[in-house]
PDB file of N, CA and C in Angstrom:
ATOM      1  N   MET A   1      33.539  -6.434  35.959  1.00  0.00           N
ATOM      2  CA  MET A   1      34.019  -6.115  34.638  1.00  0.00           C
ATOM      3  C   MET A   1      34.441  -4.645  34.629  1.00  0.00           C
ATOM      4  N   SER A   2      35.588  -4.376  34.058  1.00  0.00           N
ATOM      5  CA  SER A   2      36.043  -2.988  34.022  1.00  0.00           C
ATOM      6  C   SER A   2      35.204  -2.192  33.028  1.00  0.00           C
ATOM      7  N   ARG A   3      35.232  -0.880  33.197  1.00  0.00           N
ATOM      8  CA  ARG A   3      34.454   0.001  32.312  1.00  0.00           C
ATOM      9  C   ARG A   3      34.901  -0.144  30.859  1.00  0.00           C
ATOM     10  N   ARG A   4      36.172  -0.294  30.653  1.00  0.00           N
ATOM     11  CA  ARG A   4      36.692  -0.409  29.295  1.00  0.00           C
ATOM     12  C   ARG A   4      36.181  -1.676  28.625  1.00  0.00           C
ATOM     13  N   ILE A   5      36.192  -2.781  29.325  1.00  0.00           N
ATOM     14  CA  ILE A   5      35.700  -4.043  28.769  1.00  0.00           C
ATOM     15  C   ILE A   5      34.189  -3.937  28.535  1.00  0.00           C
ATOM     16  N   LEU A   6      33.472  -3.373  29.508  1.00  0.00           N
ATOM     17  CA  LEU A   6      32.030  -3.209  29.362  1.00  0.00           C
ATOM     18  C   LEU A   6      31.700  -2.328  28.162  1.00  0.00           C
ATOM     19  N   SER A   7      32.422  -1.250  27.973  1.00  0.00           N
ATOM     20  CA  SER A   7      32.206  -0.370  26.825  1.00  0.00           C
ATOM     21  C   SER A   7      32.454  -1.102  25.518  1.00  0.00           C
ATOM     22  N   THR A   8      33.500  -1.904  25.476  1.00  0.00           N
ATOM     23  CA  THR A   8      33.817  -2.665  24.271  1.00  0.00           C
ATOM     24  C   THR A   8      32.715  -3.682  23.972  1.00  0.00           C
ATOM     25  N   VAL A   9      32.239  -4.365  24.989  1.00  0.00           N
ATOM     26  CA  VAL A   9      31.164  -5.347  24.819  1.00  0.00           C
ATOM     27  C   VAL A   9      29.898  -4.658  24.303  1.00  0.00           C
ATOM     28  N   LEU A  10      29.539  -3.522  24.882  1.00  0.00           N
ATOM     29  CA  LEU A  10      28.352  -2.800  24.453  1.00  0.00           C
ATOM     30  C   LEU A  10      28.495  -2.308  23.011  1.00  0.00           C
ATOM     31  N   LEU A  11      29.689  -1.838  22.645  1.00  0.00           N
ATOM     32  CA  LEU A  11      29.927  -1.382  21.289  1.00  0.00           C
ATOM     33  C   LEU A  11      29.776  -2.532  20.302  1.00  0.00           C
ATOM     34  N   LEU A  12      30.360  -3.665  20.599  1.00  0.00           N
ATOM     35  CA  LEU A  12      30.255  -4.817  19.706  1.00  0.00           C
ATOM     36  C   LEU A  12      28.815  -5.311  19.603  1.00  0.00           C
ATOM     37  N   ALA A  13      28.094  -5.300  20.706  1.00  0.00           N
ATOM     38  CA  ALA A  13      26.692  -5.713  20.690  1.00  0.00           C
ATOM     39  C   ALA A  13      25.854  -4.770  19.838  1.00  0.00           C
ATOM     40  N   SER A  14      26.117  -3.480  19.935  1.00  0.00           N
ATOM     41  CA  SER A  14      25.338  -2.523  19.140  1.00  0.00           C
ATOM     42  C   SER A  14      25.633  -2.663  17.655  1.00  0.00           C
ATOM     43  N   LEU A  15      26.855  -3.049  17.295  1.00  0.00           N
ATOM     44  CA  LEU A  15      27.192  -3.253  15.892  1.00  0.00           C
ATOM     45  C   LEU A  15      26.481  -4.469  15.307  1.00  0.00           C
ATOM     46  N   ALA A  16      26.125  -5.418  16.143  1.00  0.00           N
ATOM     47  CA  ALA A  16      25.449  -6.620  15.681  1.00  0.00           C
ATOM     48  C   ALA A  16      23.964  -6.398  15.432  1.00  0.00           C
ATOM     49  N   LEU A  17      23.419  -5.304  15.950  1.00  0.00           N
ATOM     50  CA  LEU A  17      21.990  -5.032  15.767  1.00  0.00           C
ATOM     51  C   LEU A  17      21.726  -4.513  14.356  1.00  0.00           C
ATOM     52  N   PRO A  18      20.576  -4.872  13.787  1.00  0.00           N
ATOM     53  CA  PRO A  18      20.255  -4.320  12.466  1.00  0.00           C
ATOM     54  C   PRO A  18      20.088  -2.810  12.553  1.00  0.00           C
ATOM     55  N   THR A  19      20.564  -2.134  11.526  1.00  0.00           N
ATOM     56  CA  THR A  19      20.520  -0.672  11.558  1.00  0.00           C
ATOM     57  C   THR A  19      19.417  -0.093  10.696  1.00  0.00           C
ATOM     58  N   THR A  20      18.718  -0.929   9.962  1.00  0.00           N
ATOM     59  CA  THR A  20      17.696  -0.421   9.050  1.00  0.00           C
ATOM     60  C   THR A  20      16.333  -1.023   9.374  1.00  0.00           C
ATOM     61  N   ALA A  21      15.886  -0.851  10.589  1.00  0.00           N
ATOM     62  CA  ALA A  21      14.555  -1.322  10.951  1.00  0.00           C
ATOM     63  C   ALA A  21      13.524  -0.508  10.185  1.00  0.00           C
ATOM     64  N   MET A  22      12.469  -1.193   9.740  1.00  0.00           N
ATOM     65  CA  MET A  22      11.440  -0.527   8.961  1.00  0.00           C
ATOM     66  C   MET A  22      10.491   0.205   9.893  1.00  0.00           C
ATOM     67  N   THR A  23      10.285   1.476   9.639  1.00  0.00           N
ATOM     68  CA  THR A  23       9.349   2.259  10.439  1.00  0.00           C
ATOM     69  C   THR A  23       7.925   1.972   9.984  1.00  0.00           C
ATOM     70  N   GLY A  24       6.951   2.417  10.765  1.00  0.00           N
ATOM     71  CA  GLY A  24       5.554   2.255  10.383  1.00  0.00           C
ATOM     72  C   GLY A  24       5.252   2.930   9.061  1.00  0.00           C
ATOM     73  N   GLU A  25       5.844   4.092   8.855  1.00  0.00           N
ATOM     74  CA  GLU A  25       5.652   4.821   7.596  1.00  0.00           C
ATOM     75  C   GLU A  25       6.241   4.049   6.426  1.00  0.00           C
ATOM     76  N   ASP A  26       7.429   3.461   6.621  1.00  0.00           N
ATOM     77  CA  ASP A  26       8.055   2.654   5.570  1.00  0.00           C
ATOM     78  C   ASP A  26       7.207   1.421   5.258  1.00  0.00           C
ATOM     79  N   GLN A  27       6.672   0.797   6.296  1.00  0.00           N
ATOM     80  CA  GLN A  27       5.832  -0.390   6.124  1.00  0.00           C
ATOM     81  C   GLN A  27       4.574  -0.035   5.335  1.00  0.00           C
ATOM     82  N   ALA A  28       3.932   1.063   5.691  1.00  0.00           N
ATOM     83  CA  ALA A  28       2.724   1.498   4.986  1.00  0.00           C
ATOM     84  C   ALA A  28       3.043   1.775   3.521  1.00  0.00           C
ATOM     85  N   ASP A  29       4.135   2.472   3.266  1.00  0.00           N
ATOM     86  CA  ASP A  29       4.496   2.777   1.881  1.00  0.00           C
ATOM     87  C   ASP A  29       4.793   1.500   1.103  1.00  0.00           C
ATOM     88  N   ALA A  30       5.477   0.547   1.723  1.00  0.00           N
ATOM     89  CA  ALA A  30       5.770  -0.724   1.045  1.00  0.00           C
ATOM     90  C   ALA A  30       4.473  -1.451   0.696  1.00  0.00           C
ATOM     91  N   GLU A  31       3.511  -1.458   1.615  1.00  0.00           N
ATOM     92  CA  GLU A  31       2.233  -2.114   1.351  1.00  0.00           C
ATOM     93  C   GLU A  31       1.458  -1.389   0.252  1.00  0.00           C
ATOM     94  N   ILE A  32       1.482  -0.082   0.266  1.00  0.00           N
ATOM     95  CA  ILE A  32       0.783   0.698  -0.762  1.00  0.00           C
ATOM     96  C   ILE A  32       1.443   0.487  -2.119  1.00  0.00           C
ATOM     97  N   GLN A  33       2.759   0.456  -2.156  1.00  0.00           N
ATOM     98  CA  GLN A  33       3.447   0.185  -3.419  1.00  0.00           C
ATOM     99  C   GLN A  33       3.095  -1.205  -3.933  1.00  0.00           C
ATOM    100  N   TYR A  34       2.976  -2.178  -3.019  1.00  0.00           N
ATOM    101  CA  TYR A  34       2.532  -3.512  -3.420  1.00  0.00           C
ATOM    102  C   TYR A  34       1.151  -3.438  -4.053  1.00  0.00           C
ATOM    103  N   LEU A  35       0.224  -2.729  -3.402  1.00  0.00           N
ATOM    104  CA  LEU A  35      -1.139  -2.622  -3.927  1.00  0.00           C
ATOM    105  C   LEU A  35      -1.162  -1.954  -5.298  1.00  0.00           C
ATOM    106  N   LEU A  36      -0.367  -0.934  -5.499  1.00  0.00           N
ATOM    107  CA  LEU A  36      -0.303  -0.281  -6.802  1.00  0.00           C
ATOM    108  C   LEU A  36       0.201  -1.248  -7.870  1.00  0.00           C
ATOM    109  N   GLY A  37       1.197  -2.033  -7.533  1.00  0.00           N
ATOM    110  CA  GLY A  37       1.689  -3.057  -8.461  1.00  0.00           C
ATOM    111  C   GLY A  37       0.656  -4.143  -8.709  1.00  0.00           C
ATOM    112  N   PHE A  38      -0.063  -4.519  -7.659  1.00  0.00           N
ATOM    113  CA  PHE A  38      -1.131  -5.515  -7.761  1.00  0.00           C
ATOM    114  C   PHE A  38      -2.201  -5.038  -8.734  1.00  0.00           C
ATOM    115  N   VAL A  39      -2.611  -3.788  -8.607  1.00  0.00           N
ATOM    116  CA  VAL A  39      -3.616  -3.215  -9.508  1.00  0.00           C
ATOM    117  C   VAL A  39      -3.091  -3.239 -10.941  1.00  0.00           C
ATOM    118  N   ALA A  40      -1.876  -2.765 -11.147  1.00  0.00           N
ATOM    119  CA  ALA A  40      -1.309  -2.675 -12.494  1.00  0.00           C
ATOM    120  C   ALA A  40      -1.220  -4.042 -13.167  1.00  0.00           C
ATOM    121  N   ALA A  41      -0.872  -5.064 -12.406  1.00  0.00           N
ATOM    122  CA  ALA A  41      -0.685  -6.407 -12.967  1.00  0.00           C
ATOM    123  C   ALA A  41      -1.967  -7.224 -13.036  1.00  0.00           C
ATOM    124  N   SER A  42      -3.049  -6.713 -12.501  1.00  0.00           N
ATOM    125  CA  SER A  42      -4.277  -7.506 -12.364  1.00  0.00           C
ATOM    126  C   SER A  42      -4.956  -7.837 -13.682  1.00  0.00           C
ATOM    127  N   GLY A  43      -4.835  -6.971 -14.678  1.00  0.00           N
ATOM    128  CA  GLY A  43      -5.553  -7.178 -15.927  1.00  0.00           C
ATOM    129  C   GLY A  43      -7.046  -6.932 -15.813  1.00  0.00           C
ATOM    130  N   CYS A  44      -7.485  -6.364 -14.712  1.00  0.00           N
ATOM    131  CA  CYS A  44      -8.902  -6.107 -14.472  1.00  0.00           C
ATOM    132  C   CYS A  44      -9.310  -4.760 -15.065  1.00  0.00           C
ATOM    133  N   THR A  45     -10.606  -4.560 -15.185  1.00  0.00           N
ATOM    134  CA  THR A  45     -11.151  -3.298 -15.675  1.00  0.00           C
ATOM    135  C   THR A  45     -11.681  -2.498 -14.501  1.00  0.00           C
ATOM    136  N   PHE A  46     -11.302  -1.232 -14.423  1.00  0.00           N
ATOM    137  CA  PHE A  46     -11.722  -0.350 -13.350  1.00  0.00           C
ATOM    138  C   PHE A  46     -12.689   0.684 -13.893  1.00  0.00           C
ATOM    139  N   VAL A  47     -13.756   0.925 -13.150  1.00  0.00           N
ATOM    140  CA  VAL A  47     -14.709   1.953 -13.542  1.00  0.00           C
ATOM    141  C   VAL A  47     -14.617   3.082 -12.532  1.00  0.00           C
ATOM    142  N   ARG A  48     -14.346   4.258 -13.086  1.00  0.00           N
ATOM    143  CA  ARG A  48     -14.176   5.461 -12.291  1.00  0.00           C
ATOM    144  C   ARG A  48     -15.056   6.538 -12.902  1.00  0.00           C
ATOM    145  N   ASN A  49     -16.031   7.019 -12.143  1.00  0.00           N
ATOM    146  CA  ASN A  49     -16.953   8.052 -12.620  1.00  0.00           C
ATOM    147  C   ASN A  49     -17.616   7.667 -13.943  1.00  0.00           C
ATOM    148  N   GLY A  50     -17.974   6.381 -14.055  1.00  0.00           N
ATOM    149  CA  GLY A  50     -18.689   5.896 -15.228  1.00  0.00           C
ATOM    150  C   GLY A  50     -17.821   5.515 -16.409  1.00  0.00           C
ATOM    151  N   ASP A  51     -16.517   5.730 -16.335  1.00  0.00           N
ATOM    152  CA  ASP A  51     -15.608   5.406 -17.434  1.00  0.00           C
ATOM    153  C   ASP A  51     -14.740   4.207 -17.078  1.00  0.00           C
ATOM    154  N   ALA A  52     -14.625   3.273 -18.026  1.00  0.00           N
ATOM    155  CA  ALA A  52     -13.801   2.080 -17.823  1.00  0.00           C
ATOM    156  C   ALA A  52     -12.338   2.391 -18.136  1.00  0.00           C
ATOM    157  N   HIS A  53     -11.450   1.827 -17.324  1.00  0.00           N
ATOM    158  CA  HIS A  53     -10.006   2.012 -17.496  1.00  0.00           C
ATOM    159  C   HIS A  53      -9.322   0.669 -17.330  1.00  0.00           C
ATOM    160  N   ASP A  54      -8.245   0.457 -18.086  1.00  0.00           N
ATOM    161  CA  ASP A  54      -7.495  -0.779 -17.895  1.00  0.00           C
ATOM    162  C   ASP A  54      -6.678  -0.685 -16.610  1.00  0.00           C
ATOM    163  N   SER A  55      -6.086  -1.801 -16.229  1.00  0.00           N
ATOM    164  CA  SER A  55      -5.394  -1.872 -14.936  1.00  0.00           C
ATOM    165  C   SER A  55      -4.184  -0.936 -14.857  1.00  0.00           C
ATOM    166  N   ALA A  56      -3.468  -0.765 -15.968  1.00  0.00           N
ATOM    167  CA  ALA A  56      -2.310   0.143 -15.955  1.00  0.00           C
ATOM    168  C   ALA A  56      -2.762   1.581 -15.727  1.00  0.00           C
ATOM    169  N   ASP A  57      -3.837   1.996 -16.401  1.00  0.00           N
ATOM    170  CA  ASP A  57      -4.357   3.349 -16.201  1.00  0.00           C
ATOM    171  C   ASP A  57      -4.878   3.527 -14.775  1.00  0.00           C
ATOM    172  N   ALA A  58      -5.533   2.500 -14.256  1.00  0.00           N
ATOM    173  CA  ALA A  58      -6.056   2.576 -12.886  1.00  0.00           C
ATOM    174  C   ALA A  58      -4.914   2.735 -11.889  1.00  0.00           C
ATOM    175  N   ALA A  59      -3.845   1.960 -12.067  1.00  0.00           N
ATOM    176  CA  ALA A  59      -2.693   2.061 -11.168  1.00  0.00           C
ATOM    177  C   ALA A  59      -2.057   3.449 -11.263  1.00  0.00           C
ATOM    178  N   ASP A  60      -1.940   3.977 -12.468  1.00  0.00           N
ATOM    179  CA  ASP A  60      -1.379   5.326 -12.637  1.00  0.00           C
ATOM    180  C   ASP A  60      -2.230   6.364 -11.918  1.00  0.00           C
ATOM    181  N   HIS A  61      -3.546   6.230 -12.031  1.00  0.00           N
ATOM    182  CA  HIS A  61      -4.450   7.173 -11.369  1.00  0.00           C
ATOM    183  C   HIS A  61      -4.317   7.085  -9.843  1.00  0.00           C
ATOM    184  N   LEU A  62      -4.288   5.861  -9.334  1.00  0.00           N
ATOM    185  CA  LEU A  62      -4.155   5.684  -7.878  1.00  0.00           C
ATOM    186  C   LEU A  62      -2.792   6.162  -7.387  1.00  0.00           C
ATOM    187  N   ARG A  63      -1.764   5.973  -8.195  1.00  0.00           N
ATOM    188  CA  ARG A  63      -0.425   6.454  -7.829  1.00  0.00           C
ATOM    189  C   ARG A  63      -0.423   7.983  -7.753  1.00  0.00           C
ATOM    190  N   LEU A  64      -1.084   8.624  -8.701  1.00  0.00           N
ATOM    191  CA  LEU A  64      -1.197  10.086  -8.688  1.00  0.00           C
ATOM    192  C   LEU A  64      -1.956  10.554  -7.448  1.00  0.00           C
ATOM    193  N   LYS A  65      -3.067   9.875  -7.128  1.00  0.00           N
ATOM    194  CA  LYS A  65      -3.831  10.245  -5.934  1.00  0.00           C
ATOM    195  C   LYS A  65      -2.986  10.057  -4.674  1.00  0.00           C
ATOM    196  N   TYR A  66      -2.201   8.980  -4.628  1.00  0.00           N
ATOM    197  CA  TYR A  66      -1.339   8.731  -3.472  1.00  0.00           C
ATOM    198  C   TYR A  66      -0.253   9.801  -3.375  1.00  0.00           C
ATOM    199  N   ASP A  67       0.361  10.126  -4.502  1.00  0.00           N
ATOM    200  CA  ASP A  67       1.410  11.160  -4.488  1.00  0.00           C
ATOM    201  C   ASP A  67       0.868  12.490  -3.985  1.00  0.00           C
ATOM    202  N   ARG A  68      -0.338  12.831  -4.391  1.00  0.00           N
ATOM    203  CA  ARG A  68      -0.933  14.110  -3.985  1.00  0.00           C
ATOM    204  C   ARG A  68      -1.574  14.060  -2.603  1.00  0.00           C
ATOM    205  N   GLY A  69      -2.068  12.895  -2.199  1.00  0.00           N
ATOM    206  CA  GLY A  69      -2.802  12.801  -0.943  1.00  0.00           C
ATOM    207  C   GLY A  69      -2.140  11.926   0.095  1.00  0.00           C
ATOM    208  N   ARG A  70      -0.839  11.793   0.008  1.00  0.00           N
ATOM    209  CA  ARG A  70      -0.076  10.916   0.912  1.00  0.00           C
ATOM    210  C   ARG A  70      -0.371  11.206   2.386  1.00  0.00           C
ATOM    211  N   ARG A  71      -0.620  12.457   2.706  1.00  0.00           N
ATOM    212  CA  ARG A  71      -0.863  12.818   4.106  1.00  0.00           C
ATOM    213  C   ARG A  71      -2.148  12.189   4.651  1.00  0.00           C
ATOM    214  N   TYR A  72      -3.035  11.758   3.755  1.00  0.00           N
ATOM    215  CA  TYR A  72      -4.284  11.118   4.176  1.00  0.00           C
ATOM    216  C   TYR A  72      -4.154   9.598   4.237  1.00  0.00           C
ATOM    217  N   ALA A  73      -2.993   9.077   3.883  1.00  0.00           N
ATOM    218  CA  ALA A  73      -2.803   7.634   3.791  1.00  0.00           C
ATOM    219  C   ALA A  73      -1.608   7.198   4.621  1.00  0.00           C
ATOM    220  N   ASP A  74      -1.717   7.294   5.941  1.00  0.00           N
ATOM    221  CA  ASP A  74      -0.600   6.897   6.792  1.00  0.00           C
ATOM    222  C   ASP A  74      -0.572   5.393   7.051  1.00  0.00           C
ATOM    223  N   THR A  75      -1.585   4.668   6.574  1.00  0.00           N
ATOM    224  CA  THR A  75      -1.590   3.206   6.589  1.00  0.00           C
ATOM    225  C   THR A  75      -2.127   2.730   5.245  1.00  0.00           C
ATOM    226  N   ALA A  76      -1.905   1.465   4.938  1.00  0.00           N
ATOM    227  CA  ALA A  76      -2.441   0.911   3.696  1.00  0.00           C
ATOM    228  C   ALA A  76      -3.963   0.908   3.722  1.00  0.00           C
ATOM    229  N   GLU A  77      -4.551   0.678   4.899  1.00  0.00           N
ATOM    230  CA  GLU A  77      -6.011   0.722   5.017  1.00  0.00           C
ATOM    231  C   GLU A  77      -6.543   2.120   4.696  1.00  0.00           C
ATOM    232  N   HIS A  78      -5.847   3.143   5.184  1.00  0.00           N
ATOM    233  CA  HIS A  78      -6.263   4.514   4.890  1.00  0.00           C
ATOM    234  C   HIS A  78      -6.129   4.805   3.392  1.00  0.00           C
ATOM    235  N   PHE A  79      -5.077   4.305   2.777  1.00  0.00           N
ATOM    236  CA  PHE A  79      -4.927   4.471   1.333  1.00  0.00           C
ATOM    237  C   PHE A  79      -6.141   3.895   0.612  1.00  0.00           C
ATOM    238  N   ILE A  80      -6.514   2.679   0.980  1.00  0.00           N
ATOM    239  CA  ILE A  80      -7.657   2.037   0.329  1.00  0.00           C
ATOM    240  C   ILE A  80      -8.934   2.829   0.591  1.00  0.00           C
ATOM    241  N   ASP A  81      -9.205   3.114   1.854  1.00  0.00           N
ATOM    242  CA  ASP A  81     -10.475   3.732   2.227  1.00  0.00           C
ATOM    243  C   ASP A  81     -10.590   5.193   1.810  1.00  0.00           C
ATOM    244  N   ARG A  82      -9.493   5.916   1.844  1.00  0.00           N
ATOM    245  CA  ARG A  82      -9.543   7.357   1.598  1.00  0.00           C
ATOM    246  C   ARG A  82      -9.186   7.759   0.173  1.00  0.00           C
ATOM    247  N   LEU A  83      -8.417   6.920  -0.534  1.00  0.00           N
ATOM    248  CA  LEU A  83      -7.951   7.320  -1.854  1.00  0.00           C
ATOM    249  C   LEU A  83      -8.315   6.339  -2.970  1.00  0.00           C
ATOM    250  N   ALA A  84      -8.415   5.061  -2.678  1.00  0.00           N
ATOM    251  CA  ALA A  84      -8.540   4.059  -3.738  1.00  0.00           C
ATOM    252  C   ALA A  84      -9.930   3.439  -3.851  1.00  0.00           C
ATOM    253  N   SER A  85     -10.905   3.948  -3.114  1.00  0.00           N
ATOM    254  CA  SER A  85     -12.239   3.346  -3.130  1.00  0.00           C
ATOM    255  C   SER A  85     -13.296   4.193  -3.821  1.00  0.00           C
ATOM    256  N   ALA A  86     -13.058   5.480  -3.927  1.00  0.00           N
ATOM    257  CA  ALA A  86     -14.088   6.370  -4.489  1.00  0.00           C
ATOM    258  C   ALA A  86     -13.445   7.616  -5.076  1.00  0.00           C
ATOM    259  N   SER A  87     -14.183   8.246  -5.934  1.00  0.00           N
ATOM    260  CA  SER A  87     -13.742   9.500  -6.536  1.00  0.00           C
ATOM    261  C   SER A  87     -13.812  10.621  -5.506  1.00  0.00           C
ATOM    262  N   SER A  88     -12.728  11.350  -5.371  1.00  0.00           N
ATOM    263  CA  SER A  88     -12.744  12.500  -4.468  1.00  0.00           C
ATOM    264  C   SER A  88     -13.518  13.651  -5.100  1.00  0.00           C
ATOM    265  N   TRP A  89     -13.734  13.579  -6.389  1.00  0.00           N
ATOM    266  CA  TRP A  89     -14.462  14.617  -7.109  1.00  0.00           C
ATOM    267  C   TRP A  89     -15.971  14.394  -7.047  1.00  0.00           C
ATOM    268  N   SER A  90     -16.429  13.163  -7.379  1.00  0.00           N
ATOM    269  CA  SER A  90     -17.871  12.895  -7.434  1.00  0.00           C
ATOM    270  C   SER A  90     -18.395  12.134  -6.222  1.00  0.00           C
ATOM    271  N   GLY A  91     -17.497  11.458  -5.507  1.00  0.00           N
ATOM    272  CA  GLY A  91     -17.913  10.624  -4.385  1.00  0.00           C
ATOM    273  C   GLY A  91     -18.376   9.234  -4.803  1.00  0.00           C
ATOM    274  N   LYS A  92     -18.429   8.957  -6.111  1.00  0.00           N
ATOM    275  CA  LYS A  92     -18.873   7.651  -6.595  1.00  0.00           C
ATOM    276  C   LYS A  92     -17.821   6.590  -6.306  1.00  0.00           C
ATOM    277  N   LEU A  93     -18.300   5.417  -5.888  1.00  0.00           N
ATOM    278  CA  LEU A  93     -17.390   4.304  -5.626  1.00  0.00           C
ATOM    279  C   LEU A  93     -16.732   3.829  -6.912  1.00  0.00           C
ATOM    280  N   TYR A  94     -15.468   3.424  -6.805  1.00  0.00           N
ATOM    281  CA  TYR A  94     -14.787   2.763  -7.903  1.00  0.00           C
ATOM    282  C   TYR A  94     -15.200   1.303  -7.871  1.00  0.00           C
ATOM    283  N   THR A  95     -15.303   0.695  -9.048  1.00  0.00           N
ATOM    284  CA  THR A  95     -15.528  -0.742  -9.120  1.00  0.00           C
ATOM    285  C   THR A  95     -14.433  -1.370  -9.952  1.00  0.00           C
ATOM    286  N   VAL A  96     -14.265  -2.664  -9.761  1.00  0.00           N
ATOM    287  CA  VAL A  96     -13.277  -3.425 -10.510  1.00  0.00           C
ATOM    288  C   VAL A  96     -13.962  -4.691 -11.011  1.00  0.00           C
ATOM    289  N   THR A  97     -13.698  -5.034 -12.264  1.00  0.00           N
ATOM    290  CA  THR A  97     -14.252  -6.252 -12.843  1.00  0.00           C
ATOM    291  C   THR A  97     -13.100  -7.156 -13.243  1.00  0.00           C
ATOM    292  N   CYS A  98     -13.073  -8.328 -12.610  1.00  0.00           N
ATOM    293  CA  CYS A  98     -12.073  -9.351 -12.899  1.00  0.00           C
ATOM    294  C   CYS A  98     -12.831 -10.641 -13.170  1.00  0.00           C
ATOM    295  N   SER A  99     -12.517 -11.292 -14.276  1.00  0.00           N
ATOM    296  CA  SER A  99     -13.174 -12.555 -14.629  1.00  0.00           C
ATOM    297  C   SER A  99     -14.693 -12.437 -14.554  1.00  0.00           C
ATOM    298  N   GLU A 100     -15.209 -11.363 -15.084  1.00  0.00           N
ATOM    299  CA  GLU A 100     -16.645 -11.090 -15.172  1.00  0.00           C
ATOM    300  C   GLU A 100     -17.332 -10.911 -13.812  1.00  0.00           C
ATOM    301  N   ILE A 101     -16.560 -10.719 -12.765  1.00  0.00           N
ATOM    302  CA  ILE A 101     -17.111 -10.435 -11.435  1.00  0.00           C
ATOM    303  C   ILE A 101     -16.787  -8.984 -11.099  1.00  0.00           C
ATOM    304  N   THR A 102     -17.839  -8.201 -10.853  1.00  0.00           N
ATOM    305  CA  THR A 102     -17.663  -6.783 -10.516  1.00  0.00           C
ATOM    306  C   THR A 102     -17.868  -6.598  -9.024  1.00  0.00           C
ATOM    307  N   GLN A 103     -16.978  -5.820  -8.430  1.00  0.00           N
ATOM    308  CA  GLN A 103     -17.037  -5.563  -6.987  1.00  0.00           C
ATOM    309  C   GLN A 103     -16.458  -4.192  -6.691  1.00  0.00           C
ATOM    310  N   PRO A 104     -16.771  -3.636  -5.525  1.00  0.00           N
ATOM    311  CA  PRO A 104     -16.155  -2.359  -5.136  1.00  0.00           C
ATOM    312  C   PRO A 104     -14.638  -2.530  -5.014  1.00  0.00           C
ATOM    313  N   SER A 105     -13.912  -1.560  -5.512  1.00  0.00           N
ATOM    314  CA  SER A 105     -12.448  -1.674  -5.480  1.00  0.00           C
ATOM    315  C   SER A 105     -11.908  -1.767  -4.059  1.00  0.00           C
ATOM    316  N   GLY A 106     -12.557  -1.092  -3.122  1.00  0.00           N
ATOM    317  CA  GLY A 106     -12.087  -1.136  -1.735  1.00  0.00           C
ATOM    318  C   GLY A 106     -12.102  -2.541  -1.161  1.00  0.00           C
ATOM    319  N   GLU A 107     -13.168  -3.272  -1.398  1.00  0.00           N
ATOM    320  CA  GLU A 107     -13.247  -4.655  -0.899  1.00  0.00           C
ATOM    321  C   GLU A 107     -12.154  -5.513  -1.526  1.00  0.00           C
ATOM    322  N   TRP A 108     -11.974  -5.347  -2.832  1.00  0.00           N
ATOM    323  CA  TRP A 108     -10.971  -6.115  -3.569  1.00  0.00           C
ATOM    324  C   TRP A 108      -9.563  -5.816  -3.045  1.00  0.00           C
ATOM    325  N   LEU A 109      -9.275  -4.540  -2.806  1.00  0.00           N
ATOM    326  CA  LEU A 109      -7.950  -4.157  -2.325  1.00  0.00           C
ATOM    327  C   LEU A 109      -7.714  -4.584  -0.883  1.00  0.00           C
ATOM    328  N   HIS A 110      -8.745  -4.540  -0.040  1.00  0.00           N
ATOM    329  CA  HIS A 110      -8.579  -5.023   1.340  1.00  0.00           C
ATOM    330  C   HIS A 110      -8.243  -6.515   1.351  1.00  0.00           C
ATOM    331  N   ARG A 111      -8.875  -7.291   0.480  1.00  0.00           N
ATOM    332  CA  ARG A 111      -8.543  -8.723   0.394  1.00  0.00           C
ATOM    333  C   ARG A 111      -7.107  -8.919  -0.079  1.00  0.00           C
ATOM    334  N   ALA A 112      -6.701  -8.141  -1.080  1.00  0.00           N
ATOM    335  CA  ALA A 112      -5.326  -8.243  -1.589  1.00  0.00           C
ATOM    336  C   ALA A 112      -4.313  -7.888  -0.504  1.00  0.00           C
ATOM    337  N   LEU A 113      -4.610  -6.875   0.292  1.00  0.00           N
ATOM    338  CA  LEU A 113      -3.723  -6.480   1.387  1.00  0.00           C
ATOM    339  C   LEU A 113      -3.631  -7.584   2.432  1.00  0.00           C
ATOM    340  N   ALA A 114      -4.747  -8.180   2.777  1.00  0.00           N
ATOM    341  CA  ALA A 114      -4.747  -9.271   3.761  1.00  0.00           C
ATOM    342  C   ALA A 114      -3.914 -10.452   3.265  1.00  0.00           C
ATOM    343  N   GLU A 115      -4.052 -10.789   1.995  1.00  0.00           N
ATOM    344  CA  GLU A 115      -3.250 -11.879   1.425  1.00  0.00           C
ATOM    345  C   GLU A 115      -1.773 -11.539   1.411  1.00  0.00           C
ATOM    346  N   TYR A 116      -1.440 -10.304   1.094  1.00  0.00           N
ATOM    347  CA  TYR A 116      -0.046  -9.861   1.098  1.00  0.00           C
ATOM    348  C   TYR A 116       0.558  -9.986   2.493  1.00  0.00           C
ATOM    349  N   ARG A 117      -0.201  -9.596   3.487  1.00  0.00           N
ATOM    350  CA  ARG A 117       0.306  -9.636   4.870  1.00  0.00           C
ATOM    351  C   ARG A 117       0.473 -11.066   5.383  1.00  0.00           C
ATOM    352  N   GLN A 118      -0.209 -12.004   4.797  1.00  0.00           N
ATOM    353  CA  GLN A 118      -0.077 -13.399   5.221  1.00  0.00           C
ATOM    354  C   GLN A 118       1.110 -14.106   4.620  1.00  0.00           C
ATOM    355  N   GLN A 119       1.745 -13.475   3.628  1.00  0.00           N
ATOM    356  CA  GLN A 119       2.925 -14.067   3.012  1.00  0.00           C
ATOM    357  C   GLN A 119       4.068 -14.075   4.007  1.00  0.00           C
ATOM    358  N   PRO A 120       4.892 -15.112   3.940  1.00  0.00           N
ATOM    359  CA  PRO A 120       6.046 -15.164   4.863  1.00  0.00           C
ATOM    360  C   PRO A 120       7.095 -14.102   4.543  1.00  0.00           C
TER     361      PRO A 120
END
């Protein structure tokens, strides 16, 4: 095959490849954005430092923590464990109550992340 034909074939092949592959950082951010939406839509009650908050307020708070502490959350797991499970001020665990069942927010969010990842 001549160089010119080979160059043309390689050029056409490269044009057929997707150009917007998702990076690990993009994937983590997409998963974290999903979790923030999940929290907001949950209708659950969140307890933070002894005060109850509705799901919209909880999502806003976690979004603020993520915006400020993004460098500590390079994966969705890190977001949950480092930012969404406990108060950075008091160290107290966050809890969530859904359908009269109270649990640590970290456990609840890890389950939600696992379910999200299983979706096609």
